[in-house]
PDB file of N, CA and C in Angstrom:
ATOM      1  N   MET A   1       0.839  -1.200   0.000  1.00  0.00           N
ATOM      2  CA  MET A   1       0.000   0.000   0.000  1.00  0.00           C
ATOM      3  C   MET A   1       0.885   1.267   0.000  1.00  0.00           C
ATOM      4  N   ASN A   2       0.253   2.396  -0.210  1.00  0.00           N
ATOM      5  CA  ASN A   2       1.030   3.650  -0.249  1.00  0.00           C
ATOM      6  C   ASN A   2       1.125   4.269   1.146  1.00  0.00           C
ATOM      7  N   GLY A   3       2.201   4.019   1.831  1.00  0.00           N
ATOM      8  CA  GLY A   3       2.363   4.575   3.186  1.00  0.00           C
ATOM      9  C   GLY A   3       2.509   6.090   3.130  1.00  0.00           C
ATOM     10  N   LYS A   4       3.269   6.561   2.154  1.00  0.00           N
ATOM     11  CA  LYS A   4       3.466   8.017   2.049  1.00  0.00           C
ATOM     12  C   LYS A   4       2.139   8.710   1.770  1.00  0.00           C
ATOM     13  N   ALA A   5       1.370   8.159   0.872  1.00  0.00           N
ATOM     14  CA  ALA A   5       0.070   8.776   0.528  1.00  0.00           C
ATOM     15  C   ALA A   5      -0.790   8.850   1.788  1.00  0.00           C
ATOM     16  N   ASP A   6      -0.754   7.806   2.601  1.00  0.00           N
ATOM     17  CA  ASP A   6      -1.555   7.813   3.834  1.00  0.00           C
ATOM     18  C   ASP A   6      -1.125   8.974   4.732  1.00  0.00           C
ATOM     19  N   GLU A   7       0.170   9.173   4.840  1.00  0.00           N
ATOM     20  CA  GLU A   7       0.656  10.256   5.716  1.00  0.00           C
ATOM     21  C   GLU A   7       0.096  11.591   5.233  1.00  0.00           C
ATOM     22  N   LEU A   8       0.100  11.803   3.930  1.00  0.00           N
ATOM     23  CA  LEU A   8      -0.413  13.078   3.399  1.00  0.00           C
ATOM     24  C   LEU A   8      -1.896  13.206   3.720  1.00  0.00           C
ATOM     25  N   ASP A   9      -2.630  12.128   3.494  1.00  0.00           N
ATOM     26  CA  ASP A   9      -4.077  12.174   3.776  1.00  0.00           C
ATOM     27  C   ASP A   9      -4.314  12.456   5.257  1.00  0.00           C
ATOM     28  N   LEU A  10      -3.516  11.845   6.099  1.00  0.00           N
ATOM     29  CA  LEU A  10      -3.697  12.042   7.547  1.00  0.00           C
ATOM     30  C   LEU A  10      -3.444  13.500   7.887  1.00  0.00           C
ATOM     31  N   SER A  11      -2.434  14.088   7.286  1.00  0.00           N
ATOM     32  CA  SER A  11      -2.122  15.498   7.587  1.00  0.00           C
ATOM     33  C   SER A  11      -3.317  16.362   7.191  1.00  0.00           C
ATOM     34  N   ARG A  12      -3.952  15.998   6.100  1.00  0.00           N
ATOM     35  CA  ARG A  12      -5.084  16.803   5.627  1.00  0.00           C
ATOM     36  C   ARG A  12      -6.311  16.524   6.498  1.00  0.00           C
ATOM     37  N   LEU A  13      -6.544  15.263   6.801  1.00  0.00           N
ATOM     38  CA  LEU A  13      -7.737  14.920   7.605  1.00  0.00           C
ATOM     39  C   LEU A  13      -7.338  14.379   8.972  1.00  0.00           C
ATOM     40  N   PRO A  14      -7.330  15.231   9.978  1.00  0.00           N
ATOM     41  CA  PRO A  14      -6.972  14.822  11.347  1.00  0.00           C
ATOM     42  C   PRO A  14      -7.917  13.735  11.846  1.00  0.00           C
ATOM     43  N   LYS A  15      -9.152  13.781  11.397  1.00  0.00           N
ATOM     44  CA  LYS A  15     -10.120  12.763  11.853  1.00  0.00           C
ATOM     45  C   LYS A  15      -9.644  11.375  11.438  1.00  0.00           C
ATOM     46  N   ILE A  16      -9.228  11.265  10.207  1.00  0.00           N
ATOM     47  CA  ILE A  16      -8.758   9.947   9.715  1.00  0.00           C
ATOM     48  C   ILE A  16      -7.485   9.567  10.478  1.00  0.00           C
ATOM     49  N   ARG A  17      -6.703  10.552  10.825  1.00  0.00           N
ATOM     50  CA  ARG A  17      -5.445  10.279  11.538  1.00  0.00           C
ATOM     51  C   ARG A  17      -5.767   9.469  12.801  1.00  0.00           C
ATOM     52  N   ARG A  18      -6.815   9.809  13.496  1.00  0.00           N
ATOM     53  CA  ARG A  18      -7.182   9.076  14.722  1.00  0.00           C
ATOM     54  C   ARG A  18      -7.509   7.628  14.350  1.00  0.00           C
ATOM     55  N   LYS A  19      -8.257   7.460  13.282  1.00  0.00           N
ATOM     56  CA  LYS A  19      -8.653   6.111  12.862  1.00  0.00           C
ATOM     57  C   LYS A  19      -7.396   5.288  12.550  1.00  0.00           C
ATOM     58  N   TYR A  20      -6.480   5.888  11.805  1.00  0.00           N
ATOM     59  CA  TYR A  20      -5.256   5.165  11.434  1.00  0.00           C
ATOM     60  C   TYR A  20      -4.413   4.885  12.677  1.00  0.00           C
ATOM     61  N   SER A  21      -4.337   5.868  13.555  1.00  0.00           N
ATOM     62  CA  SER A  21      -3.518   5.699  14.765  1.00  0.00           C
ATOM     63  C   SER A  21      -3.994   4.460  15.516  1.00  0.00           C
ATOM     64  N   GLN A  22      -5.285   4.220  15.513  1.00  0.00           N
ATOM     65  CA  GLN A  22      -5.811   3.038  16.227  1.00  0.00           C
ATOM     66  C   GLN A  22      -5.481   1.769  15.437  1.00  0.00           C
ATOM     67  N   GLY A  23      -5.609   1.851  14.114  1.00  0.00           N
ATOM     68  CA  GLY A  23      -5.341   0.668  13.279  1.00  0.00           C
ATOM     69  C   GLY A  23      -3.845   0.334  13.269  1.00  0.00           C
ATOM     70  N   LEU A  24      -3.022   1.333  12.952  1.00  0.00           N
ATOM     71  CA  LEU A  24      -1.575   1.082  12.921  1.00  0.00           C
ATOM     72  C   LEU A  24      -1.017   1.139  14.345  1.00  0.00           C
ATOM     73  N   GLY A  25      -1.463   2.148  15.080  1.00  0.00           N
ATOM     74  CA  GLY A  25      -0.998   2.276  16.469  1.00  0.00           C
ATOM     75  C   GLY A  25       0.517   2.340  16.545  1.00  0.00           C
ATOM     76  N   GLY A  26       1.135   3.196  15.743  1.00  0.00           N
ATOM     77  CA  GLY A  26       2.605   3.286  15.831  1.00  0.00           C
ATOM     78  C   GLY A  26       3.173   4.366  14.928  1.00  0.00           C
ATOM     79  N   PRO A  27       3.410   4.051  13.668  1.00  0.00           N
ATOM     80  CA  PRO A  27       4.097   4.961  12.741  1.00  0.00           C
ATOM     81  C   PRO A  27       3.428   6.333  12.677  1.00  0.00           C
ATOM     82  N   ILE A  28       2.155   6.374  12.418  1.00  0.00           N
ATOM     83  CA  ILE A  28       1.484   7.677  12.278  1.00  0.00           C
ATOM     84  C   ILE A  28       1.508   8.428  13.617  1.00  0.00           C
ATOM     85  N   ARG A  29       1.298   7.692  14.684  1.00  0.00           N
ATOM     86  CA  ARG A  29       1.256   8.353  16.002  1.00  0.00           C
ATOM     87  C   ARG A  29       2.651   8.940  16.321  1.00  0.00           C
ATOM     88  N   ALA A  30       3.680   8.191  16.041  1.00  0.00           N
ATOM     89  CA  ALA A  30       5.037   8.656  16.343  1.00  0.00           C
ATOM     90  C   ALA A  30       5.387   9.822  15.415  1.00  0.00           C
ATOM     91  N   SER A  31       4.844   9.803  14.209  1.00  0.00           N
ATOM     92  CA  SER A  31       5.189  10.863  13.243  1.00  0.00           C
ATOM     93  C   SER A  31       5.059  12.188  13.896  1.00  0.00           C
TER      94      SER A  31
END
C-alpha cells in the first residue's frame, strides 16, 4: 500500500489520523 500517501491524507484529515492511529498504532502516532 502507499504509506506516504496515507501520511499526506492524515495530515489533511486529522479525523482519519485518529482512525489510522488506532489501526496502525505506531508509525502515524510517532510521526
